[in-house]
């Protein structure tokens, strides 16, 4: 995280849903948030969302303090494909968890590079994946772990809210104040729009990683963290173009939700220039 003013103790914020002006109700763990508002064949729609008395409310109608955002789930979302029998087989403590809210920040430096961090390989969910810095309150993206039913039954269910922060400072200036927690972050890097555009264009669930385009650098410089020290090293650009494999162990890659956020971010670059 970037150091600054002290933060208040973070409390758990759960997703609540309101459809057709009905009274808000807590989202159930095994309930698809996107599917609650649209047909099963659709994977995205515009919704209204905002904090409402320590609840994160998602509604199909406007309410005081709400903002309209794009809500999206990947086509392979485990909750979307969860059968009634599978949902009933989930442990009671899992079903009772509800749906959590997480926040991720796309931090854009003055040169338009964006900060990504690699989650520690020791974390219980999404280990070794590249994501923007963020955390629990960990346009909105529905996120489930494991990310595919082929890798096991769902254990965590989040709605991730992505925020874009435009800084007038250089990434070197911002990096001085960057104090990542090694228990959660194993590396970080600042990527330029050219590379991020290629990352955003990759399709998770595909069997093969996308080849590096001729106009991209062959390697990306990252800063790895270990035992209190930081070391700059190079990793193949292809690592950031990896896609979520449909079977077997996951690979080091940029998360599906991050790609969704990057596609939205890329659409903001032209207005920024103007």
Protein backbone atom coordinates (compact mmCIF):
# COMPACT_ATOMS: atom_id res chain seq x y z
CA UNK A 1 0.00 0.00 0.00
CA UNK A 2 1.04 3.64 -0.25
CA UNK A 3 1.76 5.16 3.11
CA UNK A 4 -0.28 8.15 4.15
CA UNK A 5 -3.00 9.01 6.62
CA UNK A 6 -3.82 6.22 9.08
CA UNK A 7 -6.80 4.06 8.09
CA UNK A 8 -9.64 3.18 10.37
CA UNK A 9 -10.02 -0.46 11.34
CA UNK A 10 -11.51 -2.26 8.35
CA UNK A 11 -14.81 -4.00 8.94
CA UNK A 12 -16.28 -6.74 6.82
CA UNK A 13 -18.69 -5.39 4.22
CA UNK A 14 -21.19 -7.76 2.61
CA UNK A 15 -23.09 -7.46 -0.65
CA UNK A 16 -26.82 -6.77 -0.45
CA UNK A 17 -29.14 -6.92 -3.46
CA UNK A 18 -32.29 -5.04 -4.37
CA UNK A 19 -34.32 -5.83 -7.48
CA UNK A 20 -37.41 -3.97 -8.68
CA UNK A 21 -37.35 -1.73 -5.57
CA UNK A 22 -37.59 -4.66 -3.16
CA UNK A 23 -36.09 -4.32 0.31
CA UNK A 24 -32.32 -5.09 0.21
CA UNK A 25 -31.37 -8.63 1.17
CA UNK A 26 -27.94 -10.18 1.77
CA UNK A 27 -26.55 -11.96 -1.27
CA UNK A 28 -26.21 -15.70 -0.74
CA UNK A 29 -22.79 -17.28 -1.26
CA UNK A 30 -24.10 -19.63 -3.97
CA UNK A 31 -26.00 -16.83 -5.74
CA UNK A 32 -24.68 -15.25 -8.93
CA UNK A 33 -24.79 -11.47 -8.54
CA UNK A 34 -24.91 -10.91 -12.30
CA UNK A 35 -27.47 -13.68 -12.73
CA UNK A 36 -29.72 -12.05 -10.15
CA UNK A 37 -30.35 -9.15 -12.54
CA UNK A 38 -30.23 -10.67 -16.02
CA UNK A 39 -30.78 -13.80 -18.08
CA UNK A 40 -28.43 -16.75 -17.63
CA UNK A 41 -27.05 -16.20 -21.14
CA UNK A 42 -25.73 -12.73 -20.24
CA UNK A 43 -22.51 -12.07 -18.34
CA UNK A 44 -22.58 -8.29 -17.90
CA UNK A 45 -24.98 -5.44 -17.29
CA UNK A 46 -25.17 -1.93 -15.88
CA UNK A 47 -26.23 -1.72 -12.23
CA UNK A 48 -26.40 0.89 -9.48
CA UNK A 49 -24.21 0.39 -6.45
CA UNK A 50 -22.93 2.17 -3.37
CA UNK A 51 -22.40 1.93 0.38
CA UNK A 52 -25.63 1.98 2.34
CA UNK A 53 -25.24 1.82 6.13
CA UNK A 54 -22.19 -0.47 6.07
CA UNK A 55 -23.71 -2.59 3.32
CA UNK A 56 -22.58 -2.66 -0.29
CA UNK A 57 -25.86 -2.38 -2.13
CA UNK A 58 -26.31 -3.43 -5.76
CA UNK A 59 -29.64 -2.52 -7.33
CA UNK A 60 -31.33 -2.32 -10.72
CA UNK A 61 -32.68 1.13 -9.75
CA UNK A 62 -30.98 4.31 -8.56
CA UNK A 63 -30.80 5.12 -4.86
CA UNK A 64 -29.30 7.92 -2.78
CA UNK A 65 -25.52 8.02 -3.25
CA UNK A 66 -25.46 5.29 -5.89
CA UNK A 67 -23.35 5.21 -9.02
CA UNK A 68 -24.04 3.34 -12.23
CA UNK A 69 -21.29 0.86 -13.10
CA UNK A 70 -20.69 -2.15 -15.30
CA UNK A 71 -20.98 -5.47 -13.45
CA UNK A 72 -19.41 -8.47 -15.14
CA UNK A 73 -18.61 -12.12 -14.55
CA UNK A 74 -16.40 -14.40 -16.68
CA UNK A 75 -18.26 -16.94 -18.86
CA UNK A 76 -16.67 -19.76 -16.82
CA UNK A 77 -17.75 -18.29 -13.44
CA UNK A 78 -18.17 -21.26 -11.04
CA UNK A 79 -21.25 -19.75 -9.39
CA UNK A 80 -22.90 -19.39 -12.81
CA UNK A 81 -22.42 -23.10 -13.53
CA UNK A 82 -23.09 -24.39 -10.00
CA UNK A 83 -25.90 -26.97 -10.05
CA UNK A 84 -28.54 -27.14 -7.32
CA UNK A 85 -26.99 -30.37 -6.07
CA UNK A 86 -23.52 -28.86 -5.94
CA UNK A 87 -24.82 -25.77 -4.14
CA UNK A 88 -26.54 -27.99 -1.56
CA UNK A 89 -23.30 -29.94 -1.03
CA UNK A 90 -21.34 -26.85 0.04
CA UNK A 91 -20.38 -26.86 3.74
CA UNK A 92 -22.77 -24.87 5.92
CA UNK A 93 -19.99 -22.50 6.99
CA UNK A 94 -19.31 -21.72 3.32
CA UNK A 95 -22.98 -21.18 2.42
CA UNK A 96 -23.34 -18.87 5.43
CA UNK A 97 -20.42 -16.63 4.42
CA UNK A 98 -22.42 -14.42 2.08
CA UNK A 99 -20.63 -12.41 -0.61
CA UNK A 100 -17.76 -10.14 0.43
CA UNK A 101 -16.63 -6.84 -1.09
CA UNK A 102 -13.05 -6.12 -2.10
CA UNK A 103 -11.47 -2.98 -3.52
CA UNK A 104 -8.60 -2.77 -6.02
CA UNK A 105 -6.95 0.48 -7.14
CA UNK A 106 -5.61 1.05 -10.63
CA UNK A 107 -2.89 3.55 -9.78
CA UNK A 108 -1.81 5.45 -12.91
CA UNK A 109 1.38 7.50 -12.74
CA UNK A 110 1.93 10.69 -14.74
CA UNK A 111 3.60 8.70 -17.53
CA UNK A 112 0.47 6.48 -17.71
CA UNK A 113 2.21 3.42 -16.32
CA UNK A 114 0.01 1.34 -13.99
CA UNK A 115 1.09 -0.50 -10.84
CA UNK A 116 0.48 -4.25 -10.56
CA UNK A 117 1.45 -6.46 -7.63
CA UNK A 118 2.02 -10.20 -7.50
CA UNK A 119 0.16 -11.94 -4.71
CA UNK A 120 2.26 -14.14 -2.44
CA UNK A 121 2.39 -17.81 -3.39
CA UNK A 122 1.50 -18.63 0.23
CA UNK A 123 -1.93 -16.93 0.12
CA UNK A 124 -4.94 -19.25 0.28
CA UNK A 125 -6.80 -17.61 -2.63
CA UNK A 126 -5.42 -16.49 -5.98
CA UNK A 127 -1.75 -17.14 -5.07
CA UNK A 128 0.96 -15.89 -7.46
CA UNK A 129 -1.46 -13.81 -9.56
CA UNK A 130 -0.82 -10.23 -10.68
CA UNK A 131 -3.45 -7.74 -9.48
CA UNK A 132 -3.70 -4.04 -8.62
CA UNK A 133 -3.04 -3.17 -4.96
CA UNK A 134 -6.11 -3.44 -2.79
CA UNK A 135 -7.93 -5.47 -0.18
CA UNK A 136 -11.22 -5.91 1.56
CA UNK A 137 -13.35 -2.77 2.09
CA UNK A 138 -10.14 -7.63 -1.59
CA UNK A 139 -17.23 -0.70 -12.48
CA UNK A 140 -17.50 -4.24 -10.39
CA UNK A 141 -16.25 -7.73 -11.15
CA UNK A 142 -17.71 -10.89 -9.64
CA UNK A 143 -14.81 -12.98 -8.37
CA UNK A 144 -14.90 -16.60 -7.17
CA UNK A 145 -12.11 -18.89 -5.95
CA UNK A 146 -11.24 -21.40 -7.30
CA UNK A 147 -12.01 -19.58 -10.57
CA UNK A 148 -13.35 -22.69 -12.34
CA UNK A 149 -15.44 -25.66 -11.17
CA UNK A 150 -12.89 -27.97 -12.82
CA UNK A 151 -10.52 -26.99 -10.00
CA UNK A 152 -12.92 -27.61 -7.14
CA UNK A 153 -15.98 -26.22 -5.40
CA UNK A 154 -16.14 -22.47 -4.59
CA UNK A 155 -14.51 -21.42 -1.31
CA UNK A 156 -14.63 -17.62 -1.59
CA UNK A 157 -17.05 -15.27 -3.36
CA UNK A 158 -16.37 -11.55 -3.82
CA UNK A 159 -17.54 -8.57 -5.73
CA UNK A 160 -14.42 -6.56 -6.54
CA UNK A 161 -14.77 -2.80 -6.97
CA UNK A 162 -12.07 -1.26 -9.17
CA UNK A 163 -11.11 2.37 -8.61
CA UNK A 164 -8.98 4.45 -10.99
CA UNK A 165 -6.55 6.83 -9.30
CA UNK A 166 -4.77 9.31 -11.59
CA UNK A 167 -1.61 10.69 -10.02
CA UNK A 168 0.31 13.74 -11.29
CA UNK A 169 3.49 12.20 -9.88
CA UNK A 170 5.97 9.97 -11.68
CA UNK A 171 6.05 6.28 -10.86
CA UNK A 172 9.51 6.81 -9.31
CA UNK A 173 8.01 9.34 -6.88
CA UNK A 174 5.11 7.06 -6.05
CA UNK A 175 7.35 4.05 -5.61
CA UNK A 176 9.26 5.76 -2.79
CA UNK A 177 6.08 5.64 -0.68
CA UNK A 178 5.09 2.12 -1.69
CA UNK A 179 5.35 -0.15 1.35
CA UNK A 180 3.99 -3.59 0.40
CA UNK A 181 3.39 -6.29 2.99
CA UNK A 182 5.57 -9.29 2.10
CA UNK A 183 2.96 -11.62 3.59
CA UNK A 184 0.64 -10.59 0.75
CA UNK A 185 2.88 -9.19 -2.02
CA UNK A 186 5.90 -10.99 -3.49
CA UNK A 187 6.68 -8.53 -6.31
CA UNK A 188 5.48 -5.42 -8.10
CA UNK A 189 5.95 -3.70 -11.44
CA UNK A 190 4.84 -0.64 -13.40
CA UNK A 191 3.52 -1.55 -16.84
CA UNK A 192 3.05 0.79 -19.79
CA UNK A 193 -0.17 0.99 -21.86
CA UNK A 194 1.31 -0.96 -24.78
CA UNK A 195 1.91 -4.02 -22.62
CA UNK A 196 -1.32 -3.61 -20.65
CA UNK A 197 -3.35 -3.49 -23.87
CA UNK A 198 -1.95 -6.89 -24.85
CA UNK A 199 -2.64 -8.23 -21.35
CA UNK A 200 -6.25 -7.02 -21.49
CA UNK A 201 -6.73 -8.71 -24.87
CA UNK A 202 -5.90 -12.20 -23.58
CA UNK A 203 -8.82 -14.55 -22.99
CA UNK A 204 -8.92 -16.63 -19.83
CA UNK A 205 -10.04 -20.20 -20.25
CA UNK A 206 -8.04 -20.54 -23.48
CA UNK A 207 -5.77 -23.56 -23.70
CA UNK A 208 -2.68 -21.79 -24.98
CA UNK A 209 -0.87 -18.67 -23.80
CA UNK A 210 -0.87 -15.78 -26.23
CA UNK A 211 2.38 -15.17 -28.09
CA UNK A 212 4.28 -11.96 -27.44
CA UNK A 213 3.73 -9.46 -30.26
CA UNK A 214 6.79 -8.24 -32.13
CA UNK A 215 6.28 -4.68 -30.88
CA UNK A 216 6.37 -5.69 -27.19
CA UNK A 217 9.54 -5.97 -25.12
CA UNK A 218 10.63 -9.59 -24.58
CA UNK A 219 10.94 -9.09 -20.81
CA UNK A 220 9.35 -6.98 -18.07
CA UNK A 221 11.36 -5.55 -15.18
CA UNK A 222 9.84 -6.37 -11.79
CA UNK A 223 10.87 -5.75 -8.18
CA UNK A 224 10.83 -8.91 -6.07
CA UNK A 225 10.51 -8.75 -2.28
CA UNK A 226 12.14 -11.25 0.04
CA UNK A 227 13.17 -11.07 3.68
CA UNK A 228 12.91 -7.32 3.82
CA UNK A 229 14.97 -6.65 0.71
CA UNK A 230 13.97 -5.66 -2.82
CA UNK A 231 15.67 -6.97 -5.96
CA UNK A 232 15.04 -5.90 -9.54
CA UNK A 233 14.85 -8.75 -12.02
CA UNK A 234 13.39 -9.55 -15.43
CA UNK A 235 10.58 -11.96 -16.27
CA UNK A 236 9.33 -12.90 -19.75
CA UNK A 237 6.56 -10.63 -21.01
CA UNK A 238 4.75 -13.87 -21.92
CA UNK A 239 4.17 -14.42 -18.18
CA UNK A 240 1.74 -11.49 -18.17
CA UNK A 241 -0.04 -12.90 -21.23
CA UNK A 242 -0.72 -16.29 -19.64
CA UNK A 243 -4.37 -17.29 -19.42
CA UNK A 244 -6.22 -19.28 -16.77
CA UNK A 245 -5.94 -22.94 -17.80
CA UNK A 246 -9.26 -24.83 -17.86
CA UNK A 247 -7.69 -27.85 -16.13
CA UNK A 248 -4.83 -28.55 -13.74
CA UNK A 249 -2.71 -26.18 -11.70
CA UNK A 250 -2.98 -22.44 -12.22
CA UNK A 251 -0.09 -20.43 -13.64
CA UNK A 252 1.43 -17.07 -12.88
CA UNK A 253 -0.72 -14.58 -14.77
CA UNK A 254 -2.77 -11.40 -14.54
CA UNK A 255 -6.12 -12.11 -12.88
CA UNK A 256 -9.33 -12.24 -14.93
CA UNK A 257 -10.85 -9.33 -13.00
CA UNK A 258 -7.75 -7.21 -13.54
CA UNK A 259 -8.05 -7.72 -17.31
CA UNK A 260 -11.67 -6.56 -17.11
CA UNK A 261 -10.57 -3.42 -15.24
CA UNK A 262 -7.73 -2.79 -17.69
CA UNK A 263 -10.12 -2.87 -20.63
CA UNK A 264 -12.20 -0.18 -18.94
CA UNK A 265 -9.04 1.79 -18.11
CA UNK A 266 -7.80 1.70 -21.70
CA UNK A 267 -11.03 3.36 -22.81
CA UNK A 268 -10.20 6.33 -20.53
CA UNK A 269 -6.81 7.07 -22.10
CA UNK A 270 -8.13 9.08 -25.08
CA UNK A 271 -10.24 11.43 -22.89
CA UNK A 272 -7.25 11.90 -20.58
CA UNK A 273 -5.12 12.96 -23.52
CA UNK A 274 -7.77 15.39 -24.75
